[in-house]
Amino acid sequence: MRSPLGGLSTHILPTSATMVGVCMTVLSIGHLGHGGDARMVIDKLLACDAVVFLASALLSFMSIRSGHANGRLESRAEVVFIAGLGVLAVVAVALAFAIT
């Protein structure tokens, strides 16, 4: 039986892993400039967002490895992934205003 979401987990897993790397890269690049209160908040948000993307990757991996179509895990992976993208968008806007 096919998953109701059409095997979306096979796309969420590598993309979530890539987004963890994006969060870590932005964190690393951010430490090259001047710090401040806004930068500290942005760093903490990026670190938490990396954990959100990791959770999405784990849920999608568990969905794939379950051996049968597990729509519940796949749906949760999708929701967590979208939440991570939302947080990343907010961080991008905050970062744009924090740069002087």
C-alpha atoms as a PDB file:
ATOM      1  CA  MET A   1       0.000   0.000   0.000  1.00  0.00           C
ATOM      2  CA  ARG A   2       1.311   3.411  -0.933  1.00  0.00           C
ATOM      3  CA  SER A   3       1.687   6.181   1.598  1.00  0.00           C
ATOM      4  CA  PRO A   4      -1.111   8.775   1.421  1.00  0.00           C
ATOM      5  CA  LEU A   5       1.501  11.494   1.003  1.00  0.00           C
ATOM      6  CA  GLY A   6       3.217   9.735  -1.903  1.00  0.00           C
ATOM      7  CA  GLY A   7       6.557   8.912  -0.326  1.00  0.00           C
ATOM      8  CA  LEU A   8       7.272  12.443   0.800  1.00  0.00           C
ATOM      9  CA  SER A   9       9.684  11.146   3.445  1.00  0.00           C
ATOM     10  CA  THR A  10      12.238  10.326   0.774  1.00  0.00           C
ATOM     11  CA  HIS A  11      12.360  14.047  -0.001  1.00  0.00           C
ATOM     12  CA  ILE A  12      12.104  15.349   3.574  1.00  0.00           C
ATOM     13  CA  LEU A  13      15.041  13.300   4.896  1.00  0.00           C
ATOM     14  CA  PRO A  14      17.830  14.701   2.681  1.00  0.00           C
ATOM     15  CA  THR A  15      16.381  18.193   2.679  1.00  0.00           C
ATOM     16  CA  SER A  16      16.129  18.286   6.480  1.00  0.00           C
ATOM     17  CA  ALA A  17      19.717  17.118   6.776  1.00  0.00           C
ATOM     18  CA  THR A  18      20.773  19.873   4.383  1.00  0.00           C
ATOM     19  CA  MET A  19      18.857  22.458   6.413  1.00  0.00           C
ATOM     20  CA  VAL A  20      20.713  21.405   9.576  1.00  0.00           C
ATOM     21  CA  GLY A  21      23.896  22.198   7.664  1.00  0.00           C
ATOM     22  CA  VAL A  22      22.484  25.554   6.546  1.00  0.00           C
ATOM     23  CA  CYS A  23      21.701  26.487  10.152  1.00  0.00           C
ATOM     24  CA  MET A  24      25.208  25.511  11.255  1.00  0.00           C
ATOM     25  CA  THR A  25      26.778  27.463   8.391  1.00  0.00           C
ATOM     26  CA  VAL A  26      24.849  30.624   9.242  1.00  0.00           C
ATOM     27  CA  LEU A  27      25.812  30.184  12.898  1.00  0.00           C
ATOM     28  CA  SER A  28      29.476  29.880  11.946  1.00  0.00           C
ATOM     29  CA  ILE A  29      29.459  32.825   9.563  1.00  0.00           C
ATOM     30  CA  GLY A  30      27.663  34.942  12.134  1.00  0.00           C
ATOM     31  CA  HIS A  31      30.542  34.577  14.546  1.00  0.00           C
ATOM     32  CA  LEU A  32      32.836  36.357  12.104  1.00  0.00           C
ATOM     33  CA  GLY A  33      31.084  39.681  12.714  1.00  0.00           C
ATOM     34  CA  HIS A  34      30.302  41.711  15.778  1.00  0.00           C
ATOM     35  CA  GLY A  35      28.150  40.138  18.452  1.00  0.00           C
ATOM     36  CA  GLY A  36      25.339  41.701  20.384  1.00  0.00           C
ATOM     37  CA  ASP A  37      22.075  40.929  22.080  1.00  0.00           C
ATOM     38  CA  ALA A  38      20.230  40.513  18.783  1.00  0.00           C
ATOM     39  CA  ARG A  39      22.967  38.240  17.452  1.00  0.00           C
ATOM     40  CA  MET A  40      22.788  36.062  20.566  1.00  0.00           C
ATOM     41  CA  VAL A  41      19.023  35.603  20.123  1.00  0.00           C
ATOM     42  CA  ILE A  42      19.490  34.799  16.438  1.00  0.00           C
ATOM     43  CA  ASP A  43      22.192  32.243  17.291  1.00  0.00           C
ATOM     44  CA  LYS A  44      19.926  30.526  19.797  1.00  0.00           C
ATOM     45  CA  LEU A  45      17.041  30.463  17.310  1.00  0.00           C
ATOM     46  CA  LEU A  46      19.283  28.947  14.636  1.00  0.00           C
ATOM     47  CA  ALA A  47      20.525  26.285  17.052  1.00  0.00           C
ATOM     48  CA  CYS A  48      16.942  25.397  18.008  1.00  0.00           C
ATOM     49  CA  ASP A  49      15.955  25.371  14.348  1.00  0.00           C
ATOM     50  CA  ALA A  50      18.748  22.897  13.606  1.00  0.00           C
ATOM     51  CA  VAL A  51      17.205  20.605  16.240  1.00  0.00           C
ATOM     52  CA  VAL A  52      13.773  21.039  14.614  1.00  0.00           C
ATOM     53  CA  PHE A  53      15.195  19.983  11.250  1.00  0.00           C
ATOM     54  CA  LEU A  54      16.941  17.052  12.941  1.00  0.00           C
ATOM     55  CA  ALA A  55      13.597  15.954  14.395  1.00  0.00           C
ATOM     56  CA  SER A  56      12.055  16.183  10.935  1.00  0.00           C
ATOM     57  CA  ALA A  57      14.866  14.078   9.483  1.00  0.00           C
ATOM     58  CA  LEU A  58      14.462  11.466  12.220  1.00  0.00           C
ATOM     59  CA  LEU A  59      10.696  11.251  11.718  1.00  0.00           C
ATOM     60  CA  SER A  60      11.079  10.853   7.967  1.00  0.00           C
ATOM     61  CA  PHE A  61      13.802   8.230   8.473  1.00  0.00           C
ATOM     62  CA  MET A  62      11.547   6.303  10.866  1.00  0.00           C
ATOM     63  CA  SER A  63       8.734   6.526   8.314  1.00  0.00           C
ATOM     64  CA  ILE A  64      10.953   5.081   5.594  1.00  0.00           C
ATOM     65  CA  ARG A  65      12.403   2.346   7.830  1.00  0.00           C
ATOM     66  CA  SER A  66       9.053   1.259   9.267  1.00  0.00           C
ATOM     67  CA  GLY A  67       8.760  -1.249   6.437  1.00  0.00           C
ATOM     68  CA  HIS A  68       5.255  -0.237   5.523  1.00  0.00           C
ATOM     69  CA  ALA A  69       3.574   2.984   4.543  1.00  0.00           C
ATOM     70  CA  ASN A  70       3.404   4.985   7.759  1.00  0.00           C
ATOM     71  CA  GLY A  71       1.429   8.098   6.928  1.00  0.00           C
ATOM     72  CA  ARG A  72       1.352   9.311  10.532  1.00  0.00           C
ATOM     73  CA  LEU A  73       5.139   9.572  10.836  1.00  0.00           C
ATOM     74  CA  GLU A  74       5.388  11.091   7.391  1.00  0.00           C
ATOM     75  CA  SER A  75       2.740  13.700   8.222  1.00  0.00           C
ATOM     76  CA  ARG A  76       4.541  14.607  11.428  1.00  0.00           C
ATOM     77  CA  ALA A  77       7.844  14.897   9.562  1.00  0.00           C
ATOM     78  CA  GLU A  78       6.173  17.238   7.094  1.00  0.00           C
ATOM     79  CA  VAL A  79       4.646  19.444   9.810  1.00  0.00           C
ATOM     80  CA  VAL A  80       7.938  19.654  11.716  1.00  0.00           C
ATOM     81  CA  PHE A  81       9.807  20.448   8.495  1.00  0.00           C
ATOM     82  CA  ILE A  82       7.387  23.271   7.611  1.00  0.00           C
ATOM     83  CA  ALA A  83       7.712  24.643  11.164  1.00  0.00           C
ATOM     84  CA  GLY A  84      11.493  24.615  10.756  1.00  0.00           C
ATOM     85  CA  LEU A  85      11.217  26.521   7.487  1.00  0.00           C
ATOM     86  CA  GLY A  86       8.984  29.071   9.196  1.00  0.00           C
ATOM     87  CA  VAL A  87      11.487  29.601  11.995  1.00  0.00           C
ATOM     88  CA  LEU A  88      14.299  29.894   9.459  1.00  0.00           C
ATOM     89  CA  ALA A  89      12.361  32.583   7.566  1.00  0.00           C
ATOM     90  CA  VAL A  90      11.820  34.552  10.790  1.00  0.00           C
ATOM     91  CA  VAL A  91      15.522  34.231  11.615  1.00  0.00           C
ATOM     92  CA  ALA A  92      16.436  35.469   8.121  1.00  0.00           C
ATOM     93  CA  VAL A  93      14.320  38.597   8.600  1.00  0.00           C
ATOM     94  CA  ALA A  94      15.754  39.164  12.092  1.00  0.00           C
ATOM     95  CA  LEU A  95      19.271  38.698  10.752  1.00  0.00           C
ATOM     96  CA  ALA A  96      18.646  41.202   7.967  1.00  0.00           C
ATOM     97  CA  PHE A  97      17.590  43.838  10.512  1.00  0.00           C
ATOM     98  CA  ALA A  98      20.430  42.975  12.923  1.00  0.00           C
ATOM     99  CA  ILE A  99      23.176  43.564  10.354  1.00  0.00           C
ATOM    100  CA  THR A 100      24.517  47.102  10.520  1.00  0.00           C
END
